[in-house]
Amino acid sequence: MHIIVISDKLAKTRSVSLSLWHALASLLLVSGLLVALTAGLYWLTLRFSAEIRIPFLQNLLVAVQRSETQKAREFVQQNINAMAVRVGEMQAQLTRLDALGERLSALAGIKPQEFRFGEAPGLGGAQATSLPSYDLSMQEFSDRLNLLSRQMENRTDMLGVLEAQMFEQTVRKKLIPTILPVSGATFNASSFGMRIDPFTGQQAMHEGMDFLAEPGTPVVAAAGGVVVFAGWHPQYGQMIELDHGNDLMTRYAHCSRLFAKQGDVVKRGRKIAEVGTTGRSTGPHLHFEVRFRGSAQNPARFLVGSNPGTVQTARNTR
């Protein structure tokens, strides 16, 4: 672009040449000035709108304030909703922990009143003086909430493993013959070990324990198990064998009547027979055996924990 300037005050004409770059620079300068003026006017309008009392400006200011307030409320509500979800999850975890604690206390034999899982523990203490107190920020509160949730999840997992182990131990304990097969027996007639055989008069191994009892006295299962044999045996007479798992078995011999049949699942302490004198026997008594992997074990090692006063080592030739 070529511009020629003519004036009466000038002795001669002057010409100015403008390139494309000059035009663009001028346009940018003008645009910048317009933007700066607009921003300045907008700031002045908002800054002094309260003093100027112009209805249009007042309405504009109120609209801006409402918009900012609405955004702040939405932000706070979103945070509250997120924290409410976390609190709900923690309440569910706490309910599971309470139920798990009650089950564990029952397995451990702890009285319910000693551990009140449904009540919050008492807290207290003097006001802190060494460090000043302060309000938690939203981020700090959220971080602590997340940490507490993770800790509760870890505690639940660990207590779940502990419950499984305690339950397994309880089941195994119930499958070990530790209760007397004959209630009210005061002593045993013949203990486990070498003795004089009452029929041959020879020294022989007695692979069980004989309990003196009147005919018809109930015989109960010393532990829970499955009946693997119930019937007549040439030497043991009317006999029942229980399989307790883990290669452990008990035998109840010389019975007069049987109340369990092969294949029955019996609980610990259930009546399975009555005392008699069938088979190779010299009088009414219960012959009781404990076998591990087919090998006879001393029943006193198992029964001594139930009632030490009833398991004695009196011997005779019965």
C-alpha atoms as a PDB file:
ATOM      1  CA  MET A   1       0.000   0.000   0.000  1.00  0.00           C
ATOM      2  CA  HIS A   2       1.336   3.443  -1.055  1.00  0.00           C
ATOM      3  CA  ILE A   3      -0.044   6.611   0.641  1.00  0.00           C
ATOM      4  CA  ILE A   4       0.703  10.163  -0.706  1.00  0.00           C
ATOM      5  CA  VAL A   5       0.333  13.028   1.778  1.00  0.00           C
ATOM      6  CA  ILE A   6      -0.376  16.533   0.305  1.00  0.00           C
ATOM      7  CA  SER A   7      -0.465  19.680   2.494  1.00  0.00           C
ATOM      8  CA  ASP A   8      -0.282  23.473   2.020  1.00  0.00           C
ATOM      9  CA  LYS A   9       2.303  23.658   4.805  1.00  0.00           C
ATOM     10  CA  LEU A  10       4.606  21.228   3.140  1.00  0.00           C
ATOM     11  CA  ALA A  11       6.877  22.381   0.378  1.00  0.00           C
ATOM     12  CA  LYS A  12       6.461  19.119  -1.378  1.00  0.00           C
ATOM     13  CA  THR A  13       4.374  16.006  -1.172  1.00  0.00           C
ATOM     14  CA  ARG A  14       5.332  13.055   0.945  1.00  0.00           C
ATOM     15  CA  SER A  15       4.580   9.413   0.408  1.00  0.00           C
ATOM     16  CA  VAL A  16       4.318   6.585   2.918  1.00  0.00           C
ATOM     17  CA  SER A  17       4.574   2.929   1.950  1.00  0.00           C
ATOM     18  CA  LEU A  18       2.736   0.334   4.168  1.00  0.00           C
ATOM     19  CA  SER A  19       3.488  -3.349   3.775  1.00  0.00           C
ATOM     20  CA  LEU A  20       1.263  -6.276   4.772  1.00  0.00           C
ATOM     21  CA  TRP A  21       3.168  -6.692   8.028  1.00  0.00           C
ATOM     22  CA  HIS A  22       2.522  -3.082   8.931  1.00  0.00           C
ATOM     23  CA  ALA A  23      -1.217  -3.625   8.377  1.00  0.00           C
ATOM     24  CA  LEU A  24      -1.269  -6.730  10.545  1.00  0.00           C
ATOM     25  CA  ALA A  25       0.669  -5.058  13.328  1.00  0.00           C
ATOM     26  CA  SER A  26      -1.725  -2.114  13.295  1.00  0.00           C
ATOM     27  CA  LEU A  27      -4.700  -4.448  13.420  1.00  0.00           C
ATOM     28  CA  LEU A  28      -3.251  -6.337  16.359  1.00  0.00           C
ATOM     29  CA  LEU A  29      -2.521  -3.127  18.198  1.00  0.00           C
ATOM     30  CA  VAL A  30      -6.031  -1.876  17.730  1.00  0.00           C
ATOM     31  CA  SER A  31      -7.471  -5.229  18.844  1.00  0.00           C
ATOM     32  CA  GLY A  32      -5.282  -5.241  21.963  1.00  0.00           C
ATOM     33  CA  LEU A  33      -6.408  -1.754  22.887  1.00  0.00           C
ATOM     34  CA  LEU A  34     -10.048  -2.759  22.490  1.00  0.00           C
ATOM     35  CA  VAL A  35      -9.588  -5.849  24.674  1.00  0.00           C
ATOM     36  CA  ALA A  36      -7.766  -3.849  27.361  1.00  0.00           C
ATOM     37  CA  LEU A  37     -10.465  -1.178  27.363  1.00  0.00           C
ATOM     38  CA  THR A  38     -13.203  -3.806  27.570  1.00  0.00           C
ATOM     39  CA  ALA A  39     -11.513  -5.634  30.465  1.00  0.00           C
ATOM     40  CA  GLY A  40     -10.892  -2.395  32.296  1.00  0.00           C
ATOM     41  CA  LEU A  41     -14.484  -1.329  31.825  1.00  0.00           C
ATOM     42  CA  TYR A  42     -15.742  -4.715  33.029  1.00  0.00           C
ATOM     43  CA  TRP A  43     -13.532  -4.564  36.146  1.00  0.00           C
ATOM     44  CA  LEU A  44     -14.589  -1.025  36.932  1.00  0.00           C
ATOM     45  CA  THR A  45     -18.208  -2.030  36.459  1.00  0.00           C
ATOM     46  CA  LEU A  46     -17.948  -4.922  38.898  1.00  0.00           C
ATOM     47  CA  ARG A  47     -15.738  -3.011  41.315  1.00  0.00           C
ATOM     48  CA  PHE A  48     -17.976   0.001  41.684  1.00  0.00           C
ATOM     49  CA  SER A  49     -21.346  -1.542  40.839  1.00  0.00           C
ATOM     50  CA  ALA A  50     -22.420  -1.464  44.484  1.00  0.00           C
ATOM     51  CA  GLU A  51     -21.692   2.278  44.742  1.00  0.00           C
ATOM     52  CA  ILE A  52     -22.980   3.234  41.327  1.00  0.00           C
ATOM     53  CA  ARG A  53     -26.399   1.597  41.915  1.00  0.00           C
ATOM     54  CA  ILE A  54     -27.090   1.032  38.251  1.00  0.00           C
ATOM     55  CA  PRO A  55     -29.906  -1.544  37.906  1.00  0.00           C
ATOM     56  CA  PHE A  56     -28.314  -3.272  34.947  1.00  0.00           C
ATOM     57  CA  LEU A  57     -24.986  -3.587  36.733  1.00  0.00           C
ATOM     58  CA  GLN A  58     -26.679  -4.725  39.920  1.00  0.00           C
ATOM     59  CA  ASN A  59     -28.508  -7.480  38.073  1.00  0.00           C
ATOM     60  CA  LEU A  60     -25.313  -8.520  36.322  1.00  0.00           C
ATOM     61  CA  LEU A  61     -23.427  -8.701  39.622  1.00  0.00           C
ATOM     62  CA  VAL A  62     -26.186 -10.733  41.285  1.00  0.00           C
ATOM     63  CA  ALA A  63     -26.216 -13.178  38.361  1.00  0.00           C
ATOM     64  CA  VAL A  64     -22.448 -13.670  38.606  1.00  0.00           C
ATOM     65  CA  GLN A  65     -22.630 -14.205  42.365  1.00  0.00           C
ATOM     66  CA  ARG A  66     -25.450 -16.722  41.972  1.00  0.00           C
ATOM     67  CA  SER A  67     -23.477 -18.623  39.377  1.00  0.00           C
ATOM     68  CA  GLU A  68     -20.385 -18.780  41.591  1.00  0.00           C
ATOM     69  CA  THR A  69     -22.454 -19.784  44.615  1.00  0.00           C
ATOM     70  CA  GLN A  70     -24.176 -22.538  42.659  1.00  0.00           C
ATOM     71  CA  LYS A  71     -20.823 -23.904  41.483  1.00  0.00           C
ATOM     72  CA  ALA A  72     -19.511 -23.882  45.060  1.00  0.00           C
ATOM     73  CA  ARG A  73     -22.618 -25.690  46.306  1.00  0.00           C
ATOM     74  CA  GLU A  74     -22.334 -28.315  43.607  1.00  0.00           C
ATOM     75  CA  PHE A  75     -18.674 -28.882  44.460  1.00  0.00           C
ATOM     76  CA  VAL A  76     -19.423 -29.240  48.180  1.00  0.00           C
ATOM     77  CA  GLN A  77     -22.386 -31.543  47.474  1.00  0.00           C
ATOM     78  CA  GLN A  78     -20.248 -33.780  45.287  1.00  0.00           C
ATOM     79  CA  ASN A  79     -17.697 -34.093  48.093  1.00  0.00           C
ATOM     80  CA  ILE A  80     -20.444 -34.807  50.631  1.00  0.00           C
ATOM     81  CA  ASN A  81     -21.935 -37.487  48.376  1.00  0.00           C
ATOM     82  CA  ALA A  82     -18.539 -39.124  47.915  1.00  0.00           C
ATOM     83  CA  MET A  83     -17.900 -39.099  51.670  1.00  0.00           C
ATOM     84  CA  ALA A  84     -21.402 -40.453  52.331  1.00  0.00           C
ATOM     85  CA  VAL A  85     -20.624 -43.415  50.080  1.00  0.00           C
ATOM     86  CA  ARG A  86     -17.394 -44.055  51.980  1.00  0.00           C
ATOM     87  CA  VAL A  87     -19.184 -43.766  55.331  1.00  0.00           C
ATOM     88  CA  GLY A  88     -21.818 -46.246  54.123  1.00  0.00           C
ATOM     89  CA  GLU A  89     -19.117 -48.708  53.104  1.00  0.00           C
ATOM     90  CA  MET A  90     -17.406 -48.307  56.475  1.00  0.00           C
ATOM     91  CA  GLN A  91     -20.695 -48.866  58.306  1.00  0.00           C
ATOM     92  CA  ALA A  92     -21.171 -52.113  56.378  1.00  0.00           C
ATOM     93  CA  GLN A  93     -17.607 -53.155  57.218  1.00  0.00           C
ATOM     94  CA  LEU A  94     -18.197 -52.287  60.869  1.00  0.00           C
ATOM     95  CA  THR A  95     -21.335 -54.442  60.913  1.00  0.00           C
ATOM     96  CA  ARG A  96     -19.352 -57.355  59.505  1.00  0.00           C
ATOM     97  CA  LEU A  97     -16.625 -56.767  62.083  1.00  0.00           C
ATOM     98  CA  ASP A  98     -19.186 -56.777  64.909  1.00  0.00           C
ATOM     99  CA  ALA A  99     -20.671 -60.062  63.699  1.00  0.00           C
ATOM    100  CA  LEU A 100     -17.206 -61.538  63.179  1.00  0.00           C
ATOM    101  CA  GLY A 101     -16.136 -60.440  66.663  1.00  0.00           C
ATOM    102  CA  GLU A 102     -19.180 -62.097  68.213  1.00  0.00           C
ATOM    103  CA  ARG A 103     -18.465 -65.343  66.373  1.00  0.00           C
ATOM    104  CA  LEU A 104     -14.815 -65.260  67.408  1.00  0.00           C
ATOM    105  CA  SER A 105     -15.721 -64.611  71.044  1.00  0.00           C
ATOM    106  CA  ALA A 106     -18.115 -67.570  70.923  1.00  0.00           C
ATOM    107  CA  LEU A 107     -15.433 -69.824  69.414  1.00  0.00           C
ATOM    108  CA  ALA A 108     -12.924 -68.659  72.033  1.00  0.00           C
ATOM    109  CA  GLY A 109     -15.416 -69.170  74.865  1.00  0.00           C
ATOM    110  CA  ILE A 110     -15.470 -65.485  75.870  1.00  0.00           C
ATOM    111  CA  LYS A 111     -18.625 -64.199  77.520  1.00  0.00           C
ATOM    112  CA  PRO A 112     -20.602 -61.735  75.351  1.00  0.00           C
ATOM    113  CA  GLN A 113     -20.736 -59.111  78.117  1.00  0.00           C
ATOM    114  CA  GLU A 114     -16.956 -58.954  78.280  1.00  0.00           C
ATOM    115  CA  PHE A 115     -16.745 -57.617  74.719  1.00  0.00           C
ATOM    116  CA  ARG A 116     -19.631 -55.357  73.692  1.00  0.00           C
ATOM    117  CA  PHE A 117     -19.003 -55.092  69.968  1.00  0.00           C
ATOM    118  CA  GLY A 118     -22.132 -53.051  69.309  1.00  0.00           C
ATOM    119  CA  GLU A 119     -21.025 -50.161  71.536  1.00  0.00           C
ATOM    120  CA  ALA A 120     -18.416 -47.510  70.830  1.00  0.00           C
ATOM    121  CA  PRO A 121     -15.461 -47.550  73.253  1.00  0.00           C
ATOM    122  CA  GLY A 122     -15.190 -44.716  75.749  1.00  0.00           C
ATOM    123  CA  LEU A 123     -12.686 -41.993  74.844  1.00  0.00           C
ATOM    124  CA  GLY A 124     -11.446 -38.960  76.714  1.00  0.00           C
ATOM    125  CA  GLY A 125      -8.451 -36.931  77.841  1.00  0.00           C
ATOM    126  CA  ALA A 126      -7.338 -33.419  78.654  1.00  0.00           C
ATOM    127  CA  GLN A 127      -7.216 -30.685  76.023  1.00  0.00           C
ATOM    128  CA  ALA A 128      -3.906 -30.632  74.162  1.00  0.00           C
ATOM    129  CA  THR A 129      -1.452 -27.941  75.252  1.00  0.00           C
ATOM    130  CA  SER A 130       1.798 -28.933  73.527  1.00  0.00           C
ATOM    131  CA  LEU A 131       0.536 -28.461  69.973  1.00  0.00           C
ATOM    132  CA  PRO A 132      -2.211 -26.102  68.804  1.00  0.00           C
ATOM    133  CA  SER A 133      -5.435 -27.610  67.516  1.00  0.00           C
ATOM    134  CA  TYR A 134      -6.567 -26.973  63.963  1.00  0.00           C
ATOM    135  CA  ASP A 135      -9.439 -27.805  61.658  1.00  0.00           C
ATOM    136  CA  LEU A 136      -8.967 -30.542  59.099  1.00  0.00           C
ATOM    137  CA  SER A 137      -9.064 -29.564  55.488  1.00  0.00           C
ATOM    138  CA  MET A 138     -11.310 -31.395  53.051  1.00  0.00           C
ATOM    139  CA  GLN A 139      -8.311 -33.237  51.588  1.00  0.00           C
ATOM    140  CA  GLU A 140      -6.984 -34.268  55.002  1.00  0.00           C
ATOM    141  CA  PHE A 141     -10.408 -35.509  56.046  1.00  0.00           C
ATOM    142  CA  SER A 142     -10.762 -37.517  52.825  1.00  0.00           C
ATOM    143  CA  ASP A 143      -7.280 -39.029  53.222  1.00  0.00           C
ATOM    144  CA  ARG A 144      -7.972 -40.123  56.789  1.00  0.00           C
ATOM    145  CA  LEU A 145     -11.316 -41.582  55.772  1.00  0.00           C
ATOM    146  CA  ASN A 146      -9.671 -43.627  53.016  1.00  0.00           C
ATOM    147  CA  LEU A 147      -6.917 -44.802  55.386  1.00  0.00           C
ATOM    148  CA  LEU A 148      -9.473 -45.876  57.986  1.00  0.00           C
ATOM    149  CA  SER A 149     -11.454 -47.765  55.339  1.00  0.00           C
ATOM    150  CA  ARG A 150      -8.345 -49.654  54.186  1.00  0.00           C
ATOM    151  CA  GLN A 151      -7.431 -50.523  57.780  1.00  0.00           C
ATOM    152  CA  MET A 152     -10.923 -51.894  58.422  1.00  0.00           C
ATOM    153  CA  GLU A 153     -10.712 -54.026  55.282  1.00  0.00           C
ATOM    154  CA  ASN A 154      -7.342 -55.420  56.396  1.00  0.00           C
ATOM    155  CA  ARG A 155      -8.640 -56.158  59.895  1.00  0.00           C
ATOM    156  CA  THR A 156     -11.689 -57.909  58.437  1.00  0.00           C
ATOM    157  CA  ASP A 157      -9.497 -60.104  56.232  1.00  0.00           C
ATOM    158  CA  MET A 158      -7.158 -61.032  59.099  1.00  0.00           C
ATOM    159  CA  LEU A 159     -10.029 -61.765  61.489  1.00  0.00           C
ATOM    160  CA  GLY A 160     -11.670 -63.873  58.778  1.00  0.00           C
ATOM    161  CA  VAL A 161      -8.530 -66.014  58.516  1.00  0.00           C
ATOM    162  CA  LEU A 162      -8.398 -66.293  62.316  1.00  0.00           C
ATOM    163  CA  GLU A 163     -12.049 -67.353  62.426  1.00  0.00           C
ATOM    164  CA  ALA A 164     -11.418 -70.063  59.827  1.00  0.00           C
ATOM    165  CA  GLN A 165      -8.474 -71.411  61.825  1.00  0.00           C
ATOM    166  CA  MET A 166     -10.390 -71.357  65.114  1.00  0.00           C
ATOM    167  CA  PHE A 167     -13.393 -73.034  63.492  1.00  0.00           C
ATOM    168  CA  GLU A 168     -11.147 -75.735  62.057  1.00  0.00           C
ATOM    169  CA  GLN A 169      -9.604 -76.321  65.484  1.00  0.00           C
ATOM    170  CA  THR A 170     -13.059 -76.503  67.069  1.00  0.00           C
ATOM    171  CA  VAL A 171     -14.227 -79.048  64.488  1.00  0.00           C
ATOM    172  CA  ARG A 172     -11.110 -81.131  64.955  1.00  0.00           C
ATOM    173  CA  LYS A 173     -11.561 -81.014  68.720  1.00  0.00           C
ATOM    174  CA  LYS A 174     -15.101 -82.323  68.379  1.00  0.00           C
ATOM    175  CA  LEU A 175     -13.777 -85.184  66.239  1.00  0.00           C
ATOM    176  CA  ILE A 176     -11.310 -86.296  68.937  1.00  0.00           C
ATOM    177  CA  PRO A 177     -12.710 -88.826  71.468  1.00  0.00           C
ATOM    178  CA  THR A 178     -12.386 -86.877  74.714  1.00  0.00           C
ATOM    179  CA  ILE A 179     -15.687 -87.611  76.505  1.00  0.00           C
ATOM    180  CA  LEU A 180     -16.446 -90.787  78.432  1.00  0.00           C
ATOM    181  CA  PRO A 181     -18.433 -93.328  76.403  1.00  0.00           C
ATOM    182  CA  VAL A 182     -20.281 -94.451  79.542  1.00  0.00           C
ATOM    183  CA  SER A 183     -21.761 -91.755  81.765  1.00  0.00           C
ATOM    184  CA  GLY A 184     -21.293 -92.179  85.504  1.00  0.00           C
ATOM    185  CA  ALA A 185     -18.501 -94.771  85.292  1.00  0.00           C
ATOM    186  CA  THR A 186     -16.305 -94.433  88.369  1.00  0.00           C
ATOM    187  CA  PHE A 187     -13.369 -96.586  87.292  1.00  0.00           C
ATOM    188  CA  ASN A 188     -12.309 -98.942  84.538  1.00  0.00           C
ATOM    189  CA  ALA A 189     -12.025-102.632  85.108  1.00  0.00           C
ATOM    190  CA  SER A 190      -9.026-103.187  82.878  1.00  0.00           C
ATOM    191  CA  SER A 191      -6.717-100.589  81.414  1.00  0.00           C
ATOM    192  CA  PHE A 192      -4.777-100.440  78.178  1.00  0.00           C
ATOM    193  CA  GLY A 193      -1.627-102.563  78.109  1.00  0.00           C
ATOM    194  CA  MET A 194      -0.352-105.983  79.050  1.00  0.00           C
ATOM    195  CA  ARG A 195      -2.534-108.084  81.391  1.00  0.00           C
ATOM    196  CA  ILE A 196      -3.475-111.645  82.288  1.00  0.00           C
ATOM    197  CA  ASP A 197      -6.075-112.822  79.787  1.00  0.00           C
ATOM    198  CA  PRO A 198      -9.219-113.835  81.745  1.00  0.00           C
ATOM    199  CA  PHE A 199      -9.904-116.756  79.409  1.00  0.00           C
ATOM    200  CA  THR A 200      -6.436-118.210  78.765  1.00  0.00           C
ATOM    201  CA  GLY A 201      -4.524-117.056  81.829  1.00  0.00           C
ATOM    202  CA  GLN A 202      -1.658-115.938  79.601  1.00  0.00           C
ATOM    203  CA  GLN A 203       0.046-112.572  79.471  1.00  0.00           C
ATOM    204  CA  ALA A 204      -1.608-110.711  76.596  1.00  0.00           C
ATOM    205  CA  MET A 205      -2.031-107.224  75.229  1.00  0.00           C
ATOM    206  CA  HIS A 206      -5.311-105.493  76.081  1.00  0.00           C
ATOM    207  CA  GLU A 207      -5.868-102.992  73.280  1.00  0.00           C
ATOM    208  CA  GLY A 208      -8.612-100.967  74.937  1.00  0.00           C
ATOM    209  CA  MET A 209     -10.180 -99.965  78.221  1.00  0.00           C
ATOM    210  CA  ASP A 210     -13.027-101.767  80.016  1.00  0.00           C
ATOM    211  CA  PHE A 211     -15.630 -99.668  81.865  1.00  0.00           C
ATOM    212  CA  LEU A 212     -17.783-101.368  84.503  1.00  0.00           C
ATOM    213  CA  ALA A 213     -21.478-100.527  84.088  1.00  0.00           C
ATOM    214  CA  GLU A 214     -24.855-102.136  84.611  1.00  0.00           C
ATOM    215  CA  PRO A 215     -26.542-103.826  81.637  1.00  0.00           C
ATOM    216  CA  GLY A 216     -28.595-101.329  79.628  1.00  0.00           C
ATOM    217  CA  THR A 217     -26.408 -98.332  80.602  1.00  0.00           C
ATOM    218  CA  PRO A 218     -26.313 -95.895  77.640  1.00  0.00           C
ATOM    219  CA  VAL A 219     -23.166 -95.864  75.514  1.00  0.00           C
ATOM    220  CA  VAL A 220     -22.478 -92.522  73.803  1.00  0.00           C
ATOM    221  CA  ALA A 221     -20.136 -91.496  71.007  1.00  0.00           C
ATOM    222  CA  ALA A 222     -16.891 -90.149  72.456  1.00  0.00           C
ATOM    223  CA  ALA A 223     -16.636 -87.866  69.416  1.00  0.00           C
ATOM    224  CA  GLY A 224     -18.545 -87.061  66.254  1.00  0.00           C
ATOM    225  CA  GLY A 225     -18.073 -89.421  63.345  1.00  0.00           C
ATOM    226  CA  VAL A 226     -19.499 -91.862  60.821  1.00  0.00           C
ATOM    227  CA  VAL A 227     -20.569 -95.409  61.710  1.00  0.00           C
ATOM    228  CA  VAL A 228     -18.436 -97.743  59.590  1.00  0.00           C
ATOM    229  CA  PHE A 229     -19.512-100.970  61.331  1.00  0.00           C
ATOM    230  CA  ALA A 230     -22.511-101.889  63.453  1.00  0.00           C
ATOM    231  CA  GLY A 231     -23.221-105.564  64.066  1.00  0.00           C
ATOM    232  CA  TRP A 232     -21.968-108.842  65.467  1.00  0.00           C
ATOM    233  CA  HIS A 233     -18.288-109.710  65.904  1.00  0.00           C
ATOM    234  CA  PRO A 234     -17.153-113.177  67.052  1.00  0.00           C
ATOM    235  CA  GLN A 235     -14.973-111.764  69.845  1.00  0.00           C
ATOM    236  CA  TYR A 236     -16.394-108.295  70.494  1.00  0.00           C
ATOM    237  CA  GLY A 237     -20.043-109.337  70.326  1.00  0.00           C
ATOM    238  CA  GLN A 238     -22.421-106.500  69.450  1.00  0.00           C
ATOM    239  CA  MET A 239     -20.006-103.778  68.335  1.00  0.00           C
ATOM    240  CA  ILE A 240     -19.956-100.323  66.756  1.00  0.00           C
ATOM    241  CA  GLU A 241     -17.004 -98.644  65.051  1.00  0.00           C
ATOM    242  CA  LEU A 242     -16.905 -94.889  64.390  1.00  0.00           C
ATOM    243  CA  ASP A 243     -14.615 -93.191  61.896  1.00  0.00           C
ATOM    244  CA  HIS A 244     -13.708 -89.665  63.080  1.00  0.00           C
ATOM    245  CA  GLY A 245     -11.544 -88.729  60.130  1.00  0.00           C
ATOM    246  CA  ASN A 246      -7.806 -88.072  60.068  1.00  0.00           C
ATOM    247  CA  ASP A 247      -7.228 -91.870  60.416  1.00  0.00           C
ATOM    248  CA  LEU A 248      -8.817 -91.887  63.904  1.00  0.00           C
ATOM    249  CA  MET A 249     -11.399 -94.518  64.895  1.00  0.00           C
ATOM    250  CA  THR A 250     -13.166 -95.638  68.104  1.00  0.00           C
ATOM    251  CA  ARG A 251     -14.656 -99.056  68.920  1.00  0.00           C
ATOM    252  CA  TYR A 252     -17.489 -99.876  71.359  1.00  0.00           C
ATOM    253  CA  ALA A 253     -17.781-103.630  72.113  1.00  0.00           C
ATOM    254  CA  HIS A 254     -19.781-106.219  74.137  1.00  0.00           C
ATOM    255  CA  CYS A 255     -22.968-104.113  73.806  1.00  0.00           C
ATOM    256  CA  SER A 256     -26.423-105.543  74.443  1.00  0.00           C
ATOM    257  CA  ARG A 257     -28.269-103.312  71.922  1.00  0.00           C
ATOM    258  CA  LEU A 258     -27.183-101.086  69.055  1.00  0.00           C
ATOM    259  CA  PHE A 259     -28.972 -97.837  68.186  1.00  0.00           C
ATOM    260  CA  ALA A 260     -26.859 -96.753  65.205  1.00  0.00           C
ATOM    261  CA  LYS A 261     -26.410 -98.453  61.884  1.00  0.00           C
ATOM    262  CA  GLN A 262     -23.673 -98.416  59.299  1.00  0.00           C
ATOM    263  CA  GLY A 263     -23.499 -95.117  57.407  1.00  0.00           C
ATOM    264  CA  ASP A 264     -25.075 -93.014  60.171  1.00  0.00           C
ATOM    265  CA  VAL A 265     -23.450 -89.683  61.009  1.00  0.00           C
ATOM    266  CA  VAL A 266     -23.487 -89.320  64.790  1.00  0.00           C
ATOM    267  CA  LYS A 267     -22.763 -86.298  66.912  1.00  0.00           C
ATOM    268  CA  ARG A 268     -20.534 -86.165  69.915  1.00  0.00           C
ATOM    269  CA  GLY A 269     -22.405 -87.482  72.994  1.00  0.00           C
ATOM    270  CA  ARG A 270     -25.199 -89.204  71.049  1.00  0.00           C
ATOM    271  CA  LYS A 271     -26.459 -92.541  72.406  1.00  0.00           C
ATOM    272  CA  ILE A 272     -25.353 -95.294  70.044  1.00  0.00           C
ATOM    273  CA  ALA A 273     -25.709 -98.478  72.157  1.00  0.00           C
ATOM    274  CA  GLU A 274     -26.281 -99.998  75.594  1.00  0.00           C
ATOM    275  CA  VAL A 275     -23.852-101.848  77.832  1.00  0.00           C
ATOM    276  CA  GLY A 276     -24.000-105.659  77.727  1.00  0.00           C
ATOM    277  CA  THR A 277     -21.834-108.756  77.973  1.00  0.00           C
ATOM    278  CA  THR A 278     -21.941-110.172  74.452  1.00  0.00           C
ATOM    279  CA  GLY A 279     -19.019-111.833  72.740  1.00  0.00           C
ATOM    280  CA  ARG A 280     -15.822-112.735  74.597  1.00  0.00           C
ATOM    281  CA  SER A 281     -16.794-111.227  77.942  1.00  0.00           C
ATOM    282  CA  THR A 282     -16.992-112.390  81.577  1.00  0.00           C
ATOM    283  CA  GLY A 283     -19.582-109.803  82.706  1.00  0.00           C
ATOM    284  CA  PRO A 284     -21.395-106.553  81.869  1.00  0.00           C
ATOM    285  CA  HIS A 285     -18.963-103.855  80.803  1.00  0.00           C
ATOM    286  CA  LEU A 286     -18.021-101.679  77.818  1.00  0.00           C
ATOM    287  CA  HIS A 287     -14.839-102.399  75.955  1.00  0.00           C
ATOM    288  CA  PHE A 288     -13.648 -99.089  74.429  1.00  0.00           C
ATOM    289  CA  GLU A 289     -10.803 -98.741  71.920  1.00  0.00           C
ATOM    290  CA  VAL A 290      -9.141 -95.842  70.159  1.00  0.00           C
ATOM    291  CA  ARG A 291      -7.190 -96.639  66.987  1.00  0.00           C
ATOM    292  CA  PHE A 292      -5.019 -94.424  64.810  1.00  0.00           C
ATOM    293  CA  ARG A 293      -4.258 -95.782  61.339  1.00  0.00           C
ATOM    294  CA  GLY A 294      -5.345 -99.175  62.623  1.00  0.00           C
ATOM    295  CA  SER A 295      -2.945 -99.163  65.558  1.00  0.00           C
ATOM    296  CA  ALA A 296      -4.439 -99.329  69.067  1.00  0.00           C
ATOM    297  CA  GLN A 297      -3.878 -96.249  71.236  1.00  0.00           C
ATOM    298  CA  ASN A 298      -4.257 -95.798  74.985  1.00  0.00           C
ATOM    299  CA  PRO A 299      -7.768 -94.305  75.452  1.00  0.00           C
ATOM    300  CA  ALA A 300      -6.655 -92.651  78.698  1.00  0.00           C
ATOM    301  CA  ARG A 301      -4.517 -90.243  76.654  1.00  0.00           C
ATOM    302  CA  PHE A 302      -7.721 -88.889  75.083  1.00  0.00           C
ATOM    303  CA  LEU A 303     -10.217 -89.254  77.940  1.00  0.00           C
ATOM    304  CA  VAL A 304      -8.054 -87.820  80.706  1.00  0.00           C
ATOM    305  CA  GLY A 305      -8.954 -84.253  79.622  1.00  0.00           C
ATOM    306  CA  SER A 306     -12.697 -84.812  80.084  1.00  0.00           C
ATOM    307  CA  ASN A 307     -12.844 -85.986  83.698  1.00  0.00           C
ATOM    308  CA  PRO A 308      -9.550 -87.118  85.232  1.00  0.00           C
ATOM    309  CA  GLY A 309     -11.334 -88.557  88.258  1.00  0.00           C
ATOM    310  CA  THR A 310     -13.203 -91.135  86.219  1.00  0.00           C
ATOM    311  CA  VAL A 311     -10.272 -92.554  84.239  1.00  0.00           C
ATOM    312  CA  GLN A 312      -8.215 -94.638  86.634  1.00  0.00           C
ATOM    313  CA  THR A 313      -5.808 -97.496  86.135  1.00  0.00           C
ATOM    314  CA  ALA A 314      -7.364-100.162  88.322  1.00  0.00           C
ATOM    315  CA  ARG A 315      -6.694-103.624  86.915  1.00  0.00           C
ATOM    316  CA  ASN A 316      -8.223-107.021  87.370  1.00  0.00           C
ATOM    317  CA  THR A 317      -8.803-110.120  85.308  1.00  0.00           C
ATOM    318  CA  ARG A 318     -12.230-109.175  84.067  1.00  0.00           C
END
